[in-house]
Amino acid sequence: MKTNQHIEVWVSPEGAITVHAHGFTGSTCEEATRFLEEELGTLGRRQRTRDYYRKNQNQNPNQQNQQT
């Protein structure tokens, strides 16, 4: 994981959990937080940021072509 990539987890007093992945692009944010979703249970809502729609800077062109 790059040093500028991190995951914030917030738990409200009511027990609502918010997970925010910073510094990830494309679907790497979902890959990085998958373990939390599996452990915490049912996902209520997913809100994708503009970084999700940016191309992953770490993939080579062959990987990108295989995923499309």
PDB file of N, CA and C in Angstrom:
ATOM      1  N   MET A   1       0.849  -1.175   0.000  1.00  0.00           N
ATOM      2  CA  MET A   1       0.000   0.000   0.000  1.00  0.00           C
ATOM      3  C   MET A   1       0.892   1.235   0.000  1.00  0.00           C
ATOM      4  N   LYS A   2       0.590   2.185  -0.848  1.00  0.00           N
ATOM      5  CA  LYS A   2       1.346   3.423  -0.907  1.00  0.00           C
ATOM      6  C   LYS A   2       1.107   4.222   0.368  1.00  0.00           C
ATOM      7  N   THR A   3       2.056   5.111   0.698  1.00  0.00           N
ATOM      8  CA  THR A   3       1.925   5.884   1.927  1.00  0.00           C
ATOM      9  C   THR A   3       0.763   6.865   1.870  1.00  0.00           C
ATOM     10  N   ASN A   4       0.363   7.320   0.689  1.00  0.00           N
ATOM     11  CA  ASN A   4      -0.756   8.254   0.601  1.00  0.00           C
ATOM     12  C   ASN A   4      -2.102   7.541   0.540  1.00  0.00           C
ATOM     13  N   GLN A   5      -2.097   6.228   0.604  1.00  0.00           N
ATOM     14  CA  GLN A   5      -3.342   5.466   0.616  1.00  0.00           C
ATOM     15  C   GLN A   5      -3.660   5.082   2.054  1.00  0.00           C
ATOM     16  N   HIS A   6      -4.886   5.346   2.471  1.00  0.00           N
ATOM     17  CA  HIS A   6      -5.312   4.926   3.800  1.00  0.00           C
ATOM     18  C   HIS A   6      -6.822   4.761   3.832  1.00  0.00           C
ATOM     19  N   ILE A   7      -7.272   4.046   4.837  1.00  0.00           N
ATOM     20  CA  ILE A   7      -8.695   3.758   4.997  1.00  0.00           C
ATOM     21  C   ILE A   7      -9.145   4.328   6.331  1.00  0.00           C
ATOM     22  N   GLU A   8     -10.208   5.124   6.305  1.00  0.00           N
ATOM     23  CA  GLU A   8     -10.809   5.668   7.526  1.00  0.00           C
ATOM     24  C   GLU A   8     -12.080   4.896   7.830  1.00  0.00           C
ATOM     25  N   VAL A   9     -12.260   4.547   9.087  1.00  0.00           N
ATOM     26  CA  VAL A   9     -13.479   3.875   9.526  1.00  0.00           C
ATOM     27  C   VAL A   9     -14.076   4.710  10.645  1.00  0.00           C
ATOM     28  N   TRP A  10     -15.311   5.126  10.464  1.00  0.00           N
ATOM     29  CA  TRP A  10     -16.032   5.925  11.453  1.00  0.00           C
ATOM     30  C   TRP A  10     -17.234   5.130  11.947  1.00  0.00           C
ATOM     31  N   VAL A  11     -17.431   5.148  13.255  1.00  0.00           N
ATOM     32  CA  VAL A  11     -18.602   4.505  13.845  1.00  0.00           C
ATOM     33  C   VAL A  11     -19.370   5.580  14.600  1.00  0.00           C
ATOM     34  N   SER A  12     -20.620   5.808  14.211  1.00  0.00           N
ATOM     35  CA  SER A  12     -21.446   6.831  14.851  1.00  0.00           C
ATOM     36  C   SER A  12     -21.936   6.313  16.201  1.00  0.00           C
ATOM     37  N   PRO A  13     -22.426   7.203  17.067  1.00  0.00           N
ATOM     38  CA  PRO A  13     -22.995   6.761  18.344  1.00  0.00           C
ATOM     39  C   PRO A  13     -24.157   5.783  18.164  1.00  0.00           C
ATOM     40  N   GLU A  14     -24.835   5.866  17.027  1.00  0.00           N
ATOM     41  CA  GLU A  14     -25.952   4.961  16.748  1.00  0.00           C
ATOM     42  C   GLU A  14     -25.480   3.620  16.189  1.00  0.00           C
ATOM     43  N   GLY A  15     -24.183   3.509  15.876  1.00  0.00           N
ATOM     44  CA  GLY A  15     -23.642   2.260  15.352  1.00  0.00           C
ATOM     45  C   GLY A  15     -23.499   2.203  13.846  1.00  0.00           C
ATOM     46  N   ALA A  16     -23.847   3.287  13.154  1.00  0.00           N
ATOM     47  CA  ALA A  16     -23.671   3.322  11.695  1.00  0.00           C
ATOM     48  C   ALA A  16     -22.176   3.419  11.387  1.00  0.00           C
ATOM     49  N   ILE A  17     -21.729   2.634  10.436  1.00  0.00           N
ATOM     50  CA  ILE A  17     -20.310   2.582  10.092  1.00  0.00           C
ATOM     51  C   ILE A  17     -20.097   3.186   8.713  1.00  0.00           C
ATOM     52  N   THR A  18     -19.104   4.073   8.621  1.00  0.00           N
ATOM     53  CA  THR A  18     -18.722   4.681   7.355  1.00  0.00           C
ATOM     54  C   THR A  18     -17.268   4.324   7.084  1.00  0.00           C
ATOM     55  N   VAL A  19     -17.005   3.821   5.893  1.00  0.00           N
ATOM     56  CA  VAL A  19     -15.649   3.471   5.483  1.00  0.00           C
ATOM     57  C   VAL A  19     -15.293   4.340   4.291  1.00  0.00           C
ATOM     58  N   HIS A  20     -14.155   5.020   4.373  1.00  0.00           N
ATOM     59  CA  HIS A  20     -13.712   5.874   3.275  1.00  0.00           C
ATOM     60  C   HIS A  20     -12.283   5.493   2.917  1.00  0.00           C
ATOM     61  N   ALA A  21     -12.071   5.110   1.674  1.00  0.00           N
ATOM     62  CA  ALA A  21     -10.740   4.751   1.176  1.00  0.00           C
ATOM     63  C   ALA A  21     -10.146   5.964   0.473  1.00  0.00           C
ATOM     64  N   HIS A  22      -9.020   6.446   0.967  1.00  0.00           N
ATOM     65  CA  HIS A  22      -8.346   7.621   0.402  1.00  0.00           C
ATOM     66  C   HIS A  22      -7.146   7.193  -0.435  1.00  0.00           C
ATOM     67  N   GLY A  23      -6.952   7.847  -1.565  1.00  0.00           N
ATOM     68  CA  GLY A  23      -5.762   7.636  -2.375  1.00  0.00           C
ATOM     69  C   GLY A  23      -5.817   6.446  -3.310  1.00  0.00           C
ATOM     70  N   PHE A  24      -6.965   5.819  -3.429  1.00  0.00           N
ATOM     71  CA  PHE A  24      -7.130   4.679  -4.325  1.00  0.00           C
ATOM     72  C   PHE A  24      -7.840   5.144  -5.592  1.00  0.00           C
ATOM     73  N   THR A  25      -7.547   4.502  -6.718  1.00  0.00           N
ATOM     74  CA  THR A  25      -8.250   4.816  -7.956  1.00  0.00           C
ATOM     75  C   THR A  25      -8.869   3.546  -8.518  1.00  0.00           C
ATOM     76  N   GLY A  26      -9.910   3.727  -9.288  1.00  0.00           N
ATOM     77  CA  GLY A  26     -10.592   2.576  -9.879  1.00  0.00           C
ATOM     78  C   GLY A  26     -11.152   1.655  -8.812  1.00  0.00           C
ATOM     79  N   SER A  27     -11.217   0.404  -9.130  1.00  0.00           N
ATOM     80  CA  SER A  27     -11.809  -0.560  -8.205  1.00  0.00           C
ATOM     81  C   SER A  27     -10.861  -0.976  -7.088  1.00  0.00           C
ATOM     82  N   THR A  28      -9.647  -0.417  -7.042  1.00  0.00           N
ATOM     83  CA  THR A  28      -8.720  -0.784  -5.974  1.00  0.00           C
ATOM     84  C   THR A  28      -9.253  -0.394  -4.607  1.00  0.00           C
ATOM     85  N   CYS A  29     -10.106   0.634  -4.537  1.00  0.00           N
ATOM     86  CA  CYS A  29     -10.688   1.015  -3.246  1.00  0.00           C
ATOM     87  C   CYS A  29     -11.600  -0.095  -2.726  1.00  0.00           C
ATOM     88  N   GLU A  30     -12.377  -0.695  -3.616  1.00  0.00           N
ATOM     89  CA  GLU A  30     -13.259  -1.786  -3.198  1.00  0.00           C
ATOM     90  C   GLU A  30     -12.455  -3.014  -2.805  1.00  0.00           C
ATOM     91  N   GLU A  31     -11.370  -3.264  -3.514  1.00  0.00           N
ATOM     92  CA  GLU A  31     -10.502  -4.388  -3.165  1.00  0.00           C
ATOM     93  C   GLU A  31      -9.869  -4.160  -1.791  1.00  0.00           C
ATOM     94  N   ALA A  32      -9.455  -2.914  -1.515  1.00  0.00           N
ATOM     95  CA  ALA A  32      -8.791  -2.603  -0.250  1.00  0.00           C
ATOM     96  C   ALA A  32      -9.738  -2.673   0.943  1.00  0.00           C
ATOM     97  N   THR A  33     -11.014  -2.405   0.725  1.00  0.00           N
ATOM     98  CA  THR A  33     -11.977  -2.397   1.836  1.00  0.00           C
ATOM     99  C   THR A  33     -12.833  -3.652   1.906  1.00  0.00           C
ATOM    100  N   ARG A  34     -12.631  -4.581   1.000  1.00  0.00           N
ATOM    101  CA  ARG A  34     -13.449  -5.801   0.955  1.00  0.00           C
ATOM    102  C   ARG A  34     -13.427  -6.553   2.282  1.00  0.00           C
ATOM    103  N   PHE A  35     -12.256  -6.646   2.920  1.00  0.00           N
ATOM    104  CA  PHE A  35     -12.168  -7.378   4.179  1.00  0.00           C
ATOM    105  C   PHE A  35     -13.048  -6.741   5.253  1.00  0.00           C
ATOM    106  N   LEU A  36     -13.177  -5.426   5.237  1.00  0.00           N
ATOM    107  CA  LEU A  36     -14.044  -4.751   6.210  1.00  0.00           C
ATOM    108  C   LEU A  36     -15.507  -5.063   5.940  1.00  0.00           C
ATOM    109  N   GLU A  37     -15.899  -5.021   4.689  1.00  0.00           N
ATOM    110  CA  GLU A  37     -17.283  -5.337   4.332  1.00  0.00           C
ATOM    111  C   GLU A  37     -17.631  -6.771   4.725  1.00  0.00           C
ATOM    112  N   GLU A  38     -16.691  -7.687   4.517  1.00  0.00           N
ATOM    113  CA  GLU A  38     -16.942  -9.083   4.870  1.00  0.00           C
ATOM    114  C   GLU A  38     -17.081  -9.261   6.380  1.00  0.00           C
ATOM    115  N   GLU A  39     -16.281  -8.540   7.155  1.00  0.00           N
ATOM    116  CA  GLU A  39     -16.314  -8.676   8.610  1.00  0.00           C
ATOM    117  C   GLU A  39     -17.459  -7.896   9.255  1.00  0.00           C
ATOM    118  N   LEU A  40     -17.815  -6.750   8.676  1.00  0.00           N
ATOM    119  CA  LEU A  40     -18.827  -5.888   9.290  1.00  0.00           C
ATOM    120  C   LEU A  40     -20.248  -6.254   8.895  1.00  0.00           C
ATOM    121  N   GLY A  41     -20.393  -7.006   7.834  1.00  0.00           N
ATOM    122  CA  GLY A  41     -21.732  -7.456   7.459  1.00  0.00           C
ATOM    123  C   GLY A  41     -22.323  -6.708   6.288  1.00  0.00           C
ATOM    124  N   THR A  42     -23.637  -6.639   6.272  1.00  0.00           N
ATOM    125  CA  THR A  42     -24.392  -6.106   5.150  1.00  0.00           C
ATOM    126  C   THR A  42     -24.023  -4.663   4.843  1.00  0.00           C
ATOM    127  N   LEU A  43     -23.830  -4.408   3.568  1.00  0.00           N
ATOM    128  CA  LEU A  43     -23.521  -3.066   3.098  1.00  0.00           C
ATOM    129  C   LEU A  43     -24.820  -2.303   2.910  1.00  0.00           C
ATOM    130  N   GLY A  44     -24.931  -1.152   3.559  1.00  0.00           N
ATOM    131  CA  GLY A  44     -26.145  -0.358   3.432  1.00  0.00           C
ATOM    132  C   GLY A  44     -26.171   0.458   2.155  1.00  0.00           C
ATOM    133  N   ARG A  45     -25.060   1.125   1.862  1.00  0.00           N
ATOM    134  CA  ARG A  45     -24.996   1.990   0.686  1.00  0.00           C
ATOM    135  C   ARG A  45     -23.543   2.172   0.298  1.00  0.00           C
ATOM    136  N   ARG A  46     -23.288   2.206  -0.983  1.00  0.00           N
ATOM    137  CA  ARG A  46     -21.939   2.471  -1.479  1.00  0.00           C
ATOM    138  C   ARG A  46     -21.995   3.759  -2.282  1.00  0.00           C
ATOM    139  N   GLN A  47     -21.134   4.694  -1.920  1.00  0.00           N
ATOM    140  CA  GLN A  47     -21.054   5.958  -2.644  1.00  0.00           C
ATOM    141  C   GLN A  47     -19.649   6.068  -3.224  1.00  0.00           C
ATOM    142  N   ARG A  48     -19.565   6.048  -4.525  1.00  0.00           N
ATOM    143  CA  ARG A  48     -18.268   6.110  -5.191  1.00  0.00           C
ATOM    144  C   ARG A  48     -17.874   7.563  -5.422  1.00  0.00           C
ATOM    145  N   THR A  49     -16.596   7.849  -5.193  1.00  0.00           N
ATOM    146  CA  THR A  49     -16.076   9.196  -5.413  1.00  0.00           C
ATOM    147  C   THR A  49     -15.536   9.306  -6.833  1.00  0.00           C
ATOM    148  N   ARG A  50     -15.121  10.485  -7.216  1.00  0.00           N
ATOM    149  CA  ARG A  50     -14.575  10.664  -8.569  1.00  0.00           C
ATOM    150  C   ARG A  50     -13.294   9.855  -8.765  1.00  0.00           C
ATOM    151  N   ASP A  51     -12.565   9.560  -7.677  1.00  0.00           N
ATOM    152  CA  ASP A  51     -11.360   8.737  -7.805  1.00  0.00           C
ATOM    153  C   ASP A  51     -11.685   7.334  -8.299  1.00  0.00           C
ATOM    154  N   TYR A  52     -12.879   6.845  -7.989  1.00  0.00           N
ATOM    155  CA  TYR A  52     -13.278   5.521  -8.460  1.00  0.00           C
ATOM    156  C   TYR A  52     -13.296   5.475  -9.989  1.00  0.00           C
ATOM    157  N   TYR A  53     -13.678   6.573 -10.600  1.00  0.00           N
ATOM    158  CA  TYR A  53     -13.825   6.620 -12.054  1.00  0.00           C
ATOM    159  C   TYR A  53     -12.526   6.987 -12.774  1.00  0.00           C
ATOM    160  N   ARG A  54     -11.476   7.259 -12.016  1.00  0.00           N
ATOM    161  CA  ARG A  54     -10.163   7.500 -12.614  1.00  0.00           C
ATOM    162  C   ARG A  54      -9.489   6.163 -12.870  1.00  0.00           C
ATOM    163  N   LYS A  55      -8.658   6.109 -13.883  1.00  0.00           N
ATOM    164  CA  LYS A  55      -7.931   4.875 -14.179  1.00  0.00           C
ATOM    165  C   LYS A  55      -6.933   4.605 -13.069  1.00  0.00           C
ATOM    166  N   ASN A  56      -6.741   3.334 -12.791  1.00  0.00           N
ATOM    167  CA  ASN A  56      -5.774   2.925 -11.793  1.00  0.00           C
ATOM    168  C   ASN A  56      -4.375   3.220 -12.309  1.00  0.00           C
ATOM    169  N   GLN A  57      -3.638   4.053 -11.601  1.00  0.00           N
ATOM    170  CA  GLN A  57      -2.302   4.456 -12.027  1.00  0.00           C
ATOM    171  C   GLN A  57      -1.291   3.321 -11.924  1.00  0.00           C
ATOM    172  N   ASN A  58      -1.594   2.277 -11.151  1.00  0.00           N
ATOM    173  CA  ASN A  58      -0.641   1.196 -10.914  1.00  0.00           C
ATOM    174  C   ASN A  58      -0.774   0.042 -11.891  1.00  0.00           C
ATOM    175  N   GLN A  59      -1.777   0.042 -12.738  1.00  0.00           N
ATOM    176  CA  GLN A  59      -1.977  -1.058 -13.668  1.00  0.00           C
ATOM    177  C   GLN A  59      -1.209  -0.810 -14.955  1.00  0.00           C
ATOM    178  N   ASN A  60      -0.714  -1.891 -15.547  1.00  0.00           N
ATOM    179  CA  ASN A  60      -0.102  -1.734 -16.857  1.00  0.00           C
ATOM    180  C   ASN A  60      -1.203  -1.859 -17.908  1.00  0.00           C
ATOM    181  N   PRO A  61      -0.962  -1.445 -19.148  1.00  0.00           N
ATOM    182  CA  PRO A  61      -2.021  -1.458 -20.176  1.00  0.00           C
ATOM    183  C   PRO A  61      -2.646  -2.829 -20.406  1.00  0.00           C
ATOM    184  N   ASN A  62      -1.873  -3.906 -20.280  1.00  0.00           N
ATOM    185  CA  ASN A  62      -2.427  -5.244 -20.480  1.00  0.00           C
ATOM    186  C   ASN A  62      -3.469  -5.575 -19.425  1.00  0.00           C
ATOM    187  N   GLN A  63      -3.225  -5.193 -18.161  1.00  0.00           N
ATOM    188  CA  GLN A  63      -4.195  -5.441 -17.100  1.00  0.00           C
ATOM    189  C   GLN A  63      -5.468  -4.650 -17.346  1.00  0.00           C
ATOM    190  N   GLN A  64      -5.342  -3.407 -17.788  1.00  0.00           N
ATOM    191  CA  GLN A  64      -6.513  -2.582 -18.033  1.00  0.00           C
ATOM    192  C   GLN A  64      -7.364  -3.176 -19.139  1.00  0.00           C
ATOM    193  N   ASN A  65      -6.745  -3.687 -20.199  1.00  0.00           N
ATOM    194  CA  ASN A  65      -7.493  -4.268 -21.305  1.00  0.00           C
ATOM    195  C   ASN A  65      -8.221  -5.530 -20.888  1.00  0.00           C
ATOM    196  N   GLN A  66      -7.644  -6.307 -19.996  1.00  0.00           N
ATOM    197  CA  GLN A  66      -8.273  -7.535 -19.549  1.00  0.00           C
ATOM    198  C   GLN A  66      -9.501  -7.256 -18.704  1.00  0.00           C
ATOM    199  N   GLN A  67      -9.539  -6.118 -18.016  1.00  0.00           N
ATOM    200  CA  GLN A  67     -10.644  -5.806 -17.127  1.00  0.00           C
ATOM    201  C   GLN A  67     -11.803  -5.139 -17.833  1.00  0.00           C
ATOM    202  N   THR A  68     -11.609  -4.627 -19.039  1.00  0.00           N
ATOM    203  CA  THR A  68     -12.689  -3.935 -19.740  1.00  0.00           C
ATOM    204  C   THR A  68     -13.476  -4.866 -20.608  1.00  0.00           C
TER     205      THR A  68
END
